[in-house]
Amino acid sequence: MLGKIKNQHYIPQMYLNVFIECENKLTVWNMSKDIILQGQSARNYASIKYL
C-alpha cells in the first residue's frame, strides 16, 4: 500500500499528555523487556497502524 501510513491511537493522545513531563516527553515502561524508556513522544505510543 502506497501513501502515508495512518497511525491510530487506541488511547487518545490527550489522555497521554497528562503524563508528559518536561519538553513534551513521556517516560514509558516496556513491560516485555522490563526497561524504562525516557524522553519518548506520546505520538509513538498506544497506537496501531490502521486500527
PDB file of N, CA and C in Angstrom:
ATOM      1  N   MET A   1       0.838  -1.170   0.000  1.00  0.00           N
ATOM      2  CA  MET A   1       0.000   0.000   0.000  1.00  0.00           C
ATOM      3  C   MET A   1       0.886   1.237   0.000  1.00  0.00           C
ATOM      4  N   LEU A   2       0.661   2.079  -0.955  1.00  0.00           N
ATOM      5  CA  LEU A   2       1.457   3.291  -1.073  1.00  0.00           C
ATOM      6  C   LEU A   2       0.770   4.453  -0.377  1.00  0.00           C
ATOM      7  N   GLY A   3       1.557   5.423   0.005  1.00  0.00           N
ATOM      8  CA  GLY A   3       0.987   6.606   0.639  1.00  0.00           C
ATOM      9  C   GLY A   3       1.370   6.709   2.101  1.00  0.00           C
ATOM     10  N   LYS A   4       0.739   7.638   2.767  1.00  0.00           N
ATOM     11  CA  LYS A   4       1.024   7.908   4.170  1.00  0.00           C
ATOM     12  C   LYS A   4       0.434   6.817   5.062  1.00  0.00           C
ATOM     13  N   ILE A   5       1.207   6.342   6.027  1.00  0.00           N
ATOM     14  CA  ILE A   5       0.737   5.340   6.980  1.00  0.00           C
ATOM     15  C   ILE A   5      -0.086   6.025   8.055  1.00  0.00           C
ATOM     16  N   LYS A   6      -1.285   5.517   8.293  1.00  0.00           N
ATOM     17  CA  LYS A   6      -2.171   6.115   9.293  1.00  0.00           C
ATOM     18  C   LYS A   6      -1.920   5.447  10.634  1.00  0.00           C
ATOM     19  N   ASN A   7      -1.542   6.227  11.621  1.00  0.00           N
ATOM     20  CA  ASN A   7      -1.237   5.743  12.958  1.00  0.00           C
ATOM     21  C   ASN A   7      -2.397   6.144  13.874  1.00  0.00           C
ATOM     22  N   GLN A   8      -3.241   5.177  14.251  1.00  0.00           N
ATOM     23  CA  GLN A   8      -4.429   5.474  15.039  1.00  0.00           C
ATOM     24  C   GLN A   8      -4.225   5.058  16.489  1.00  0.00           C
ATOM     25  N   HIS A   9      -4.592   5.951  17.411  1.00  0.00           N
ATOM     26  CA  HIS A   9      -4.383   5.715  18.834  1.00  0.00           C
ATOM     27  C   HIS A   9      -5.577   5.022  19.478  1.00  0.00           C
ATOM     28  N   TYR A  10      -5.309   3.941  20.232  1.00  0.00           N
ATOM     29  CA  TYR A  10      -6.373   3.294  21.000  1.00  0.00           C
ATOM     30  C   TYR A  10      -6.496   3.940  22.372  1.00  0.00           C
ATOM     31  N   ILE A  11      -5.496   4.692  22.798  1.00  0.00           N
ATOM     32  CA  ILE A  11      -5.601   5.619  23.931  1.00  0.00           C
ATOM     33  C   ILE A  11      -5.329   6.998  23.339  1.00  0.00           C
ATOM     34  N   PRO A  12      -6.314   7.893  23.362  1.00  0.00           N
ATOM     35  CA  PRO A  12      -6.119   9.208  22.744  1.00  0.00           C
ATOM     36  C   PRO A  12      -4.907   9.949  23.313  1.00  0.00           C
ATOM     37  N   GLN A  13      -4.228  10.677  22.448  1.00  0.00           N
ATOM     38  CA  GLN A  13      -3.038  11.419  22.865  1.00  0.00           C
ATOM     39  C   GLN A  13      -3.350  12.430  23.960  1.00  0.00           C
ATOM     40  N   MET A  14      -4.571  12.959  23.971  1.00  0.00           N
ATOM     41  CA  MET A  14      -4.914  13.934  25.015  1.00  0.00           C
ATOM     42  C   MET A  14      -4.861  13.299  26.399  1.00  0.00           C
ATOM     43  N   TYR A  15      -5.139  11.992  26.507  1.00  0.00           N
ATOM     44  CA  TYR A  15      -5.014  11.304  27.795  1.00  0.00           C
ATOM     45  C   TYR A  15      -3.541  11.083  28.139  1.00  0.00           C
ATOM     46  N   LEU A  16      -2.737  10.775  27.161  1.00  0.00           N
ATOM     47  CA  LEU A  16      -1.308  10.574  27.394  1.00  0.00           C
ATOM     48  C   LEU A  16      -0.614  11.873  27.784  1.00  0.00           C
ATOM     49  N   ASN A  17      -1.101  12.992  27.265  1.00  0.00           N
ATOM     50  CA  ASN A  17      -0.479  14.290  27.546  1.00  0.00           C
ATOM     51  C   ASN A  17      -0.524  14.661  29.024  1.00  0.00           C
ATOM     52  N   VAL A  18      -1.427  14.065  29.787  1.00  0.00           N
ATOM     53  CA  VAL A  18      -1.491  14.316  31.229  1.00  0.00           C
ATOM     54  C   VAL A  18      -0.198  13.854  31.906  1.00  0.00           C
ATOM     55  N   PHE A  19       0.447  12.829  31.343  1.00  0.00           N
ATOM     56  CA  PHE A  19       1.640  12.243  31.945  1.00  0.00           C
ATOM     57  C   PHE A  19       2.943  12.812  31.387  1.00  0.00           C
ATOM     58  N   ILE A  20       2.849  13.796  30.526  1.00  0.00           N
ATOM     59  CA  ILE A  20       4.046  14.378  29.927  1.00  0.00           C
ATOM     60  C   ILE A  20       4.806  15.192  30.964  1.00  0.00           C
ATOM     61  N   GLU A  21       6.110  15.002  30.958  1.00  0.00           N
ATOM     62  CA  GLU A  21       6.978  15.715  31.881  1.00  0.00           C
ATOM     63  C   GLU A  21       7.541  16.953  31.179  1.00  0.00           C
ATOM     64  N   CYS A  22       8.798  17.182  31.280  1.00  0.00           N
ATOM     65  CA  CYS A  22       9.419  18.349  30.659  1.00  0.00           C
ATOM     66  C   CYS A  22       9.623  18.114  29.149  1.00  0.00           C
ATOM     67  N   GLU A  23       9.617  19.181  28.400  1.00  0.00           N
ATOM     68  CA  GLU A  23       9.888  19.170  26.958  1.00  0.00           C
ATOM     69  C   GLU A  23       8.969  18.232  26.171  1.00  0.00           C
ATOM     70  N   ASN A  24       7.711  18.081  26.606  1.00  0.00           N
ATOM     71  CA  ASN A  24       6.715  17.257  25.907  1.00  0.00           C
ATOM     72  C   ASN A  24       7.165  15.812  25.700  1.00  0.00           C
ATOM     73  N   LYS A  25       7.780  15.209  26.717  1.00  0.00           N
ATOM     74  CA  LYS A  25       8.266  13.835  26.610  1.00  0.00           C
ATOM     75  C   LYS A  25       7.690  12.965  27.723  1.00  0.00           C
ATOM     76  N   LEU A  26       7.426  11.703  27.402  1.00  0.00           N
ATOM     77  CA  LEU A  26       6.907  10.725  28.349  1.00  0.00           C
ATOM     78  C   LEU A  26       8.008   9.810  28.847  1.00  0.00           C
ATOM     79  N   THR A  27       7.797   9.232  30.017  1.00  0.00           N
ATOM     80  CA  THR A  27       8.616   8.132  30.487  1.00  0.00           C
ATOM     81  C   THR A  27       7.749   6.885  30.367  1.00  0.00           C
ATOM     82  N   VAL A  28       8.252   5.876  29.647  1.00  0.00           N
ATOM     83  CA  VAL A  28       7.465   4.693  29.314  1.00  0.00           C
ATOM     84  C   VAL A  28       8.152   3.449  29.853  1.00  0.00           C
ATOM     85  N   TRP A  29       7.357   2.533  30.416  1.00  0.00           N
ATOM     86  CA  TRP A  29       7.887   1.245  30.875  1.00  0.00           C
ATOM     87  C   TRP A  29       7.530   0.190  29.848  1.00  0.00           C
ATOM     88  N   ASN A  30       8.540  -0.445  29.272  1.00  0.00           N
ATOM     89  CA  ASN A  30       8.337  -1.543  28.335  1.00  0.00           C
ATOM     90  C   ASN A  30       8.243  -2.823  29.159  1.00  0.00           C
ATOM     91  N   MET A  31       7.024  -3.324  29.326  1.00  0.00           N
ATOM     92  CA  MET A  31       6.796  -4.478  30.200  1.00  0.00           C
ATOM     93  C   MET A  31       7.445  -5.748  29.671  1.00  0.00           C
ATOM     94  N   SER A  32       7.461  -5.956  28.367  1.00  0.00           N
ATOM     95  CA  SER A  32       8.005  -7.195  27.803  1.00  0.00           C
ATOM     96  C   SER A  32       9.525  -7.289  27.988  1.00  0.00           C
ATOM     97  N   LYS A  33      10.223  -6.158  27.961  1.00  0.00           N
ATOM     98  CA  LYS A  33      11.675  -6.143  28.138  1.00  0.00           C
ATOM     99  C   LYS A  33      12.093  -5.682  29.524  1.00  0.00           C
ATOM    100  N   ASP A  34      11.118  -5.219  30.330  1.00  0.00           N
ATOM    101  CA  ASP A  34      11.351  -4.712  31.675  1.00  0.00           C
ATOM    102  C   ASP A  34      12.418  -3.607  31.695  1.00  0.00           C
ATOM    103  N   ILE A  35      12.218  -2.636  30.799  1.00  0.00           N
ATOM    104  CA  ILE A  35      13.110  -1.479  30.771  1.00  0.00           C
ATOM    105  C   ILE A  35      12.275  -0.202  30.785  1.00  0.00           C
ATOM    106  N   ILE A  36      12.879   0.883  31.240  1.00  0.00           N
ATOM    107  CA  ILE A  36      12.219   2.188  31.273  1.00  0.00           C
ATOM    108  C   ILE A  36      12.837   3.052  30.182  1.00  0.00           C
ATOM    109  N   LEU A  37      11.968   3.619  29.339  1.00  0.00           N
ATOM    110  CA  LEU A  37      12.401   4.479  28.246  1.00  0.00           C
ATOM    111  C   LEU A  37      12.004   5.911  28.570  1.00  0.00           C
ATOM    112  N   GLN A  38      12.978   6.786  28.632  1.00  0.00           N
ATOM    113  CA  GLN A  38      12.710   8.180  28.961  1.00  0.00           C
ATOM    114  C   GLN A  38      12.788   9.036  27.702  1.00  0.00           C
ATOM    115  N   GLY A  39      12.079  10.146  27.724  1.00  0.00           N
ATOM    116  CA  GLY A  39      12.134  11.087  26.606  1.00  0.00           C
ATOM    117  C   GLY A  39      11.414  10.611  25.364  1.00  0.00           C
ATOM    118  N   GLN A  40      10.297   9.907  25.517  1.00  0.00           N
ATOM    119  CA  GLN A  40       9.537   9.385  24.387  1.00  0.00           C
ATOM    120  C   GLN A  40       8.383  10.315  24.031  1.00  0.00           C
ATOM    121  N   SER A  41       7.980  10.300  22.778  1.00  0.00           N
ATOM    122  CA  SER A  41       6.867  11.122  22.310  1.00  0.00           C
ATOM    123  C   SER A  41       5.554  10.361  22.459  1.00  0.00           C
ATOM    124  N   ALA A  42       4.488  11.037  22.890  1.00  0.00           N
ATOM    125  CA  ALA A  42       3.168  10.416  23.016  1.00  0.00           C
ATOM    126  C   ALA A  42       2.665   9.934  21.663  1.00  0.00           C
ATOM    127  N   ARG A  43       3.129  10.534  20.608  1.00  0.00           N
ATOM    128  CA  ARG A  43       2.725  10.155  19.255  1.00  0.00           C
ATOM    129  C   ARG A  43       3.124   8.715  18.918  1.00  0.00           C
ATOM    130  N   ASN A  44       4.162   8.194  19.567  1.00  0.00           N
ATOM    131  CA  ASN A  44       4.675   6.859  19.241  1.00  0.00           C
ATOM    132  C   ASN A  44       4.119   5.747  20.104  1.00  0.00           C
ATOM    133  N   TYR A  45       3.250   6.067  21.055  1.00  0.00           N
ATOM    134  CA  TYR A  45       2.766   5.047  21.993  1.00  0.00           C
ATOM    135  C   TYR A  45       1.257   4.959  22.002  1.00  0.00           C
ATOM    136  N   ALA A  46       0.753   3.775  22.401  1.00  0.00           N
ATOM    137  CA  ALA A  46      -0.689   3.498  22.482  1.00  0.00           C
ATOM    138  C   ALA A  46      -1.363   3.691  21.134  1.00  0.00           C
ATOM    139  N   SER A  47      -0.702   3.218  20.072  1.00  0.00           N
ATOM    140  CA  SER A  47      -1.255   3.352  18.739  1.00  0.00           C
ATOM    141  C   SER A  47      -0.937   2.121  17.896  1.00  0.00           C
ATOM    142  N   ILE A  48      -1.761   1.937  16.874  1.00  0.00           N
ATOM    143  CA  ILE A  48      -1.595   0.824  15.931  1.00  0.00           C
ATOM    144  C   ILE A  48      -1.843   1.395  14.535  1.00  0.00           C
ATOM    145  N   LYS A  49      -1.085   0.890  13.552  1.00  0.00           N
ATOM    146  CA  LYS A  49      -1.307   1.320  12.185  1.00  0.00           C
ATOM    147  C   LYS A  49      -2.639   0.749  11.694  1.00  0.00           C
ATOM    148  N   TYR A  50      -3.473   1.600  11.160  1.00  0.00           N
ATOM    149  CA  TYR A  50      -4.771   1.238  10.592  1.00  0.00           C
ATOM    150  C   TYR A  50      -5.621   0.406  11.553  1.00  0.00           C
ATOM    151  N   LEU A  51      -5.840   0.905  12.761  1.00  0.00           N
ATOM    152  CA  LEU A  51      -6.644   0.231  13.796  1.00  0.00           C
ATOM    153  C   LEU A  51      -8.067   0.026  13.324  1.00  0.00           C
TER     154      LEU A  51
END
